[in-house]
N, C-alpha and C. Protein backbone atom coordinates (compact mmCIF):
# COMPACT_ATOMS: atom_id res chain seq x y z
N UNK A 1 93.79 91.94 105.70
CA UNK A 1 94.12 92.94 106.66
C UNK A 1 95.18 92.45 107.63
N UNK A 2 95.01 91.17 107.96
CA UNK A 2 96.05 90.63 108.92
C UNK A 2 97.42 90.66 108.17
N UNK A 3 97.42 90.26 106.90
CA UNK A 3 98.67 90.10 106.26
C UNK A 3 99.41 91.48 105.98
N UNK A 4 98.53 92.52 105.63
CA UNK A 4 99.01 93.80 105.35
C UNK A 4 99.57 94.47 106.70
N UNK A 5 98.90 94.19 107.91
CA UNK A 5 99.34 94.77 109.05
C UNK A 5 100.69 94.15 109.51
N UNK A 6 100.67 92.82 109.27
CA UNK A 6 101.99 92.09 109.62
C UNK A 6 103.12 92.56 108.64
N UNK A 7 102.81 92.82 107.46
CA UNK A 7 103.86 93.29 106.53
C UNK A 7 104.40 94.60 106.94
N UNK A 8 103.48 95.47 107.43
CA UNK A 8 103.83 96.83 107.85
C UNK A 8 104.76 96.69 109.08
N UNK A 9 104.38 95.71 109.97
CA UNK A 9 105.32 95.54 111.21
C UNK A 9 106.72 95.09 110.81
N UNK A 10 106.80 94.23 109.73
CA UNK A 10 107.98 93.79 109.20
C UNK A 10 108.80 94.93 108.74
N UNK A 11 108.25 95.62 107.94
CA UNK A 11 109.01 96.76 107.24
C UNK A 11 109.30 97.91 108.27
N UNK A 12 108.42 98.23 108.98
CA UNK A 12 108.52 99.52 109.87
C UNK A 12 109.01 99.33 111.32
N UNK A 13 108.58 98.20 111.95
CA UNK A 13 108.95 98.02 113.37
C UNK A 13 110.34 97.28 113.58
N UNK A 14 110.81 96.68 112.54
CA UNK A 14 112.15 96.10 112.68
C UNK A 14 112.03 94.49 112.96
N UNK A 15 111.08 93.84 112.52
CA UNK A 15 110.95 92.39 112.63
C UNK A 15 111.71 91.77 111.43
N UNK A 16 112.28 90.61 111.71
CA UNK A 16 113.05 89.96 110.57
C UNK A 16 112.30 89.32 109.65
N UNK A 17 111.06 88.83 109.88
CA UNK A 17 110.10 88.18 108.98
C UNK A 17 108.65 88.40 109.46
N UNK A 18 107.77 88.06 108.43
CA UNK A 18 106.30 88.22 108.70
C UNK A 18 106.03 87.20 109.91
N UNK A 19 106.56 86.14 109.88
CA UNK A 19 106.39 84.98 110.88
C UNK A 19 106.63 85.52 112.38
N UNK A 20 107.74 86.24 112.30
CA UNK A 20 108.09 86.74 113.66
C UNK A 20 107.30 87.68 114.38
N UNK A 21 106.43 88.30 113.52
CA UNK A 21 105.37 89.21 113.98
C UNK A 21 104.21 88.62 114.77
N UNK A 22 104.17 87.33 114.83
CA UNK A 22 103.09 86.55 115.39
C UNK A 22 103.41 86.32 116.81
N UNK A 23 104.58 86.46 117.40
CA UNK A 23 104.99 86.35 118.69
C UNK A 23 105.04 87.70 119.38
N UNK A 24 104.58 87.72 120.65
CA UNK A 24 104.65 88.95 121.51
C UNK A 24 105.98 89.24 121.83
N UNK A 25 106.77 90.17 121.24
CA UNK A 25 108.06 90.35 121.53
C UNK A 25 108.63 91.76 121.20
N UNK A 26 109.60 92.32 121.73
CA UNK A 26 110.29 93.48 121.38
C UNK A 26 111.64 93.04 120.85
N UNK A 27 111.81 93.40 119.57
CA UNK A 27 112.92 93.07 118.91
C UNK A 27 114.01 94.23 119.03
N UNK A 28 115.30 93.87 118.71
CA UNK A 28 116.44 94.81 118.78
C UNK A 28 116.00 95.94 117.76
N UNK A 29 116.26 97.08 118.15
CA UNK A 29 115.96 98.27 117.32
C UNK A 29 114.41 98.38 116.88
N UNK A 30 113.53 97.97 117.78
CA UNK A 30 112.12 97.87 117.57
C UNK A 30 111.72 99.38 117.50
N UNK A 31 110.76 99.61 116.45
CA UNK A 31 110.25 100.96 116.48
C UNK A 31 108.70 100.88 116.63
N UNK A 32 108.07 101.84 117.15
CA UNK A 32 106.68 101.94 117.36
C UNK A 32 106.08 102.34 115.94
N UNK A 33 105.13 101.56 115.44
CA UNK A 33 104.53 101.86 114.10
C UNK A 33 103.13 102.57 114.46
N UNK A 34 103.00 103.83 113.85
CA UNK A 34 101.84 104.66 114.23
C UNK A 34 101.15 105.07 112.93
N UNK A 35 101.62 104.67 111.82
CA UNK A 35 101.04 104.98 110.46
C UNK A 35 100.39 103.92 109.79
N UNK A 36 99.93 104.12 108.56
CA UNK A 36 99.29 102.98 107.73
C UNK A 36 98.05 102.44 108.53
N UNK A 37 97.83 101.27 108.53
CA UNK A 37 96.64 100.78 109.27
C UNK A 37 96.71 101.01 110.75
N UNK A 38 97.96 101.23 111.43
CA UNK A 38 98.16 101.37 112.78
C UNK A 38 97.85 102.96 113.16
N UNK A 39 97.56 103.66 112.13
CA UNK A 39 97.06 105.15 112.44
C UNK A 39 95.45 105.06 112.94
N UNK A 40 94.83 104.06 112.49
CA UNK A 40 93.44 103.97 112.78
C UNK A 40 93.06 103.19 114.03
N UNK A 41 93.86 102.06 114.19
CA UNK A 41 93.66 101.15 115.26
C UNK A 41 95.04 100.66 115.72
N UNK A 42 95.09 100.39 117.11
CA UNK A 42 96.34 99.90 117.52
C UNK A 42 96.73 98.53 117.21
N UNK A 43 95.63 97.76 116.91
CA UNK A 43 95.81 96.21 116.68
C UNK A 43 95.09 95.76 115.46
N UNK A 44 95.49 96.19 114.36
CA UNK A 44 94.85 95.75 112.98
C UNK A 44 94.90 94.36 112.73
N UNK A 45 96.00 93.76 113.11
CA UNK A 45 96.08 92.14 112.98
C UNK A 45 94.91 91.53 113.70
N UNK A 46 94.63 91.97 114.88
CA UNK A 46 93.57 91.38 115.60
C UNK A 46 92.14 91.77 115.03
N UNK A 47 91.96 92.89 114.52
CA UNK A 47 90.82 93.25 113.77
C UNK A 47 90.50 92.30 112.60
N UNK A 48 91.66 92.03 111.83
CA UNK A 48 91.61 91.14 110.76
C UNK A 48 91.22 89.83 111.22
N UNK A 49 91.73 89.38 112.31
CA UNK A 49 91.41 87.92 112.79
C UNK A 49 89.93 87.89 113.19
N UNK A 50 89.49 89.02 113.84
CA UNK A 50 87.94 89.05 114.37
C UNK A 50 87.08 89.00 113.09
N UNK A 51 87.35 89.85 112.00
CA UNK A 51 86.70 89.81 110.81
C UNK A 51 86.65 88.33 110.25
N UNK A 52 87.85 87.73 110.14
CA UNK A 52 87.81 86.42 109.54
C UNK A 52 86.91 85.38 110.42
N UNK A 53 87.11 85.56 111.65
CA UNK A 53 86.22 84.64 112.49
C UNK A 53 84.78 84.98 112.34
N UNK A 54 84.29 86.23 112.12
CA UNK A 54 83.03 86.58 111.84
C UNK A 54 82.55 85.90 110.56
N UNK A 55 83.44 85.95 109.69
CA UNK A 55 83.25 85.38 108.29
C UNK A 55 82.82 83.74 108.46
N UNK A 56 83.60 82.98 109.38
CA UNK A 56 83.34 81.70 109.63
C UNK A 56 81.94 81.47 110.17
N UNK A 57 81.56 82.47 111.08
CA UNK A 57 80.22 82.35 111.77
C UNK A 57 79.11 82.48 110.67
N UNK A 58 79.31 83.38 109.70
CA UNK A 58 78.41 83.62 108.69
C UNK A 58 78.29 82.37 107.62
N UNK A 59 79.44 81.87 107.40
CA UNK A 59 79.62 80.72 106.39
C UNK A 59 78.89 79.54 106.94
N UNK A 60 79.10 79.18 108.34
CA UNK A 60 78.66 77.88 108.86
C UNK A 60 77.37 78.12 109.58
N UNK A 61 76.88 79.26 109.87
CA UNK A 61 75.49 79.50 110.48
C UNK A 61 75.22 78.54 111.50
N UNK A 62 76.04 78.44 112.51
CA UNK A 62 75.71 77.50 113.72
C UNK A 62 76.16 78.10 114.87
N UNK A 63 75.81 77.64 116.06
CA UNK A 63 76.18 77.98 117.35
C UNK A 63 77.52 77.81 117.67
N UNK A 64 78.06 76.80 116.90
CA UNK A 64 79.40 76.37 116.99
C UNK A 64 80.40 77.54 116.63
N UNK A 65 79.88 78.20 115.48
CA UNK A 65 80.59 79.30 114.87
C UNK A 65 80.64 80.52 115.97
N UNK A 66 79.56 80.72 116.60
CA UNK A 66 79.39 81.85 117.56
C UNK A 66 80.23 81.47 118.73
N UNK A 67 80.26 80.27 119.18
CA UNK A 67 81.11 79.99 120.28
C UNK A 67 82.58 80.14 120.01
N UNK A 68 83.01 79.63 118.71
CA UNK A 68 84.44 79.75 118.22
C UNK A 68 84.76 81.30 118.23
N UNK A 69 83.76 82.10 117.79
CA UNK A 69 84.13 83.60 117.66
C UNK A 69 84.29 84.22 118.94
N UNK A 70 83.35 83.85 119.92
CA UNK A 70 83.39 84.26 121.28
C UNK A 70 84.59 83.93 122.02
N UNK A 71 85.08 82.64 121.89
CA UNK A 71 86.34 82.20 122.49
C UNK A 71 87.40 82.93 121.97
N UNK A 72 87.49 83.01 120.66
CA UNK A 72 88.53 83.80 120.04
C UNK A 72 88.69 85.28 120.46
N UNK A 73 87.55 85.95 120.54
CA UNK A 73 87.53 87.31 121.06
C UNK A 73 88.11 87.49 122.43
N UNK A 74 87.74 86.52 123.41
CA UNK A 74 88.18 86.62 124.73
C UNK A 74 89.81 86.38 124.72
N UNK A 75 90.24 85.38 123.95
CA UNK A 75 91.63 85.27 123.98
C UNK A 75 92.38 86.49 123.29
N UNK A 76 91.73 87.06 122.35
CA UNK A 76 92.37 88.30 121.76
C UNK A 76 92.45 89.41 122.76
N UNK A 77 91.44 89.62 123.50
CA UNK A 77 91.34 90.64 124.54
C UNK A 77 92.44 90.43 125.65
N UNK A 78 92.69 89.11 126.06
CA UNK A 78 93.75 88.88 126.90
C UNK A 78 95.07 89.20 126.24
N UNK A 79 95.19 88.84 125.12
CA UNK A 79 96.47 89.01 124.41
C UNK A 79 96.79 90.64 124.12
N UNK A 80 95.81 91.31 123.93
CA UNK A 80 95.90 92.71 123.66
C UNK A 80 96.41 93.39 125.05
N UNK A 81 95.69 93.11 126.07
CA UNK A 81 96.16 93.58 127.48
C UNK A 81 97.68 93.33 127.68
N UNK A 82 98.09 91.96 127.43
CA UNK A 82 99.44 91.68 127.62
C UNK A 82 100.35 92.43 126.78
N UNK A 83 99.93 92.47 125.50
CA UNK A 83 100.79 93.29 124.42
C UNK A 83 100.90 94.73 124.83
N UNK A 84 99.77 95.33 125.26
CA UNK A 84 99.85 96.75 125.55
C UNK A 84 100.71 96.95 126.90
N UNK A 85 100.79 96.10 127.78
CA UNK A 85 101.64 96.34 128.88
C UNK A 85 103.01 96.20 128.45
N UNK A 86 103.36 95.35 127.59
CA UNK A 86 104.77 95.10 127.03
C UNK A 86 105.19 96.28 126.26
N UNK A 87 104.22 96.83 125.48
CA UNK A 87 104.58 98.09 124.67
C UNK A 87 104.73 99.37 125.52
N UNK A 88 104.02 99.53 126.69
CA UNK A 88 104.20 100.58 127.60
C UNK A 88 105.55 100.52 128.24
N UNK A 89 105.90 99.26 128.61
CA UNK A 89 107.27 99.05 129.19
C UNK A 89 108.40 99.50 128.25
N UNK A 90 108.27 99.17 126.99
CA UNK A 90 109.31 99.40 126.02
C UNK A 90 109.27 100.85 125.42
N UNK A 91 108.14 101.47 125.28
CA UNK A 91 107.92 102.84 124.65
C UNK A 91 107.54 103.91 125.59
N UNK A 92 107.04 103.55 126.72
CA UNK A 92 106.70 104.54 127.75
C UNK A 92 105.61 105.51 127.27
N UNK A 93 105.82 106.88 127.52
CA UNK A 93 104.90 107.76 127.25
C UNK A 93 104.63 107.88 125.76
N UNK A 94 105.47 107.60 124.88
CA UNK A 94 105.15 107.58 123.50
C UNK A 94 104.00 106.67 123.15
N UNK A 95 104.01 105.48 123.72
CA UNK A 95 102.96 104.55 123.54
C UNK A 95 101.69 105.00 124.22
N UNK A 96 101.77 105.63 125.35
CA UNK A 96 100.57 106.02 126.06
C UNK A 96 99.95 107.16 125.25
N UNK A 97 100.64 108.06 124.67
CA UNK A 97 100.20 109.15 123.71
C UNK A 97 99.48 108.44 122.56
N UNK A 98 100.12 107.47 121.89
CA UNK A 98 99.44 106.70 120.86
C UNK A 98 98.20 106.06 121.34
N UNK A 99 98.06 105.50 122.63
CA UNK A 99 96.82 104.99 123.09
C UNK A 99 95.75 106.01 123.11
N UNK A 100 96.05 107.26 123.60
CA UNK A 100 95.14 108.44 123.70
C UNK A 100 94.55 108.75 122.36
N UNK A 101 95.30 108.56 121.30
CA UNK A 101 95.00 109.10 119.98
C UNK A 101 94.26 107.97 119.15
N UNK A 102 94.32 106.76 119.52
CA UNK A 102 93.81 105.73 118.62
C UNK A 102 92.90 104.71 119.42
N UNK A 103 92.03 104.03 118.78
CA UNK A 103 91.24 103.03 119.36
C UNK A 103 91.97 101.62 119.31
N UNK A 104 91.60 100.80 120.20
CA UNK A 104 92.20 99.55 120.38
C UNK A 104 92.07 98.69 119.11
N UNK A 105 90.78 98.34 118.77
CA UNK A 105 90.58 97.42 117.70
C UNK A 105 89.50 97.83 116.71
N UNK A 106 88.51 98.51 117.12
CA UNK A 106 87.39 99.01 116.25
C UNK A 106 87.52 100.52 115.98
N UNK A 107 87.78 101.06 114.82
CA UNK A 107 88.01 102.44 114.59
C UNK A 107 86.77 103.37 115.14
N UNK A 108 87.09 104.33 115.90
CA UNK A 108 86.23 105.29 116.40
C UNK A 108 85.29 104.79 117.59
N UNK A 109 85.41 103.39 117.91
CA UNK A 109 84.57 102.95 118.91
C UNK A 109 85.22 102.20 120.05
N UNK A 110 86.15 101.29 119.84
CA UNK A 110 86.87 100.65 120.84
C UNK A 110 88.25 100.40 120.56
């Protein structure tokens, strides 16, 4: 899911490479992607990361895995807030409308 979402960003948003999608940035001729995985949630890359982290918790079955996942979730929530502020500055009302129509990271829930 993470790779597919990053591939969609590269193809549709205007990033030069998949690696460049990892940084929070607005690139020249950046386009807002609202289809594909992004039709269902605004941050499918982060959903993929959360699912991967949950997999680690299941595999290792330890309190360390739970702490790892909790820490990762907190960092992702901070990053999402920063990214959404950046996208509102870049795309204005178009992004706000997209926010009203989609959930942040969990389809139909959050």
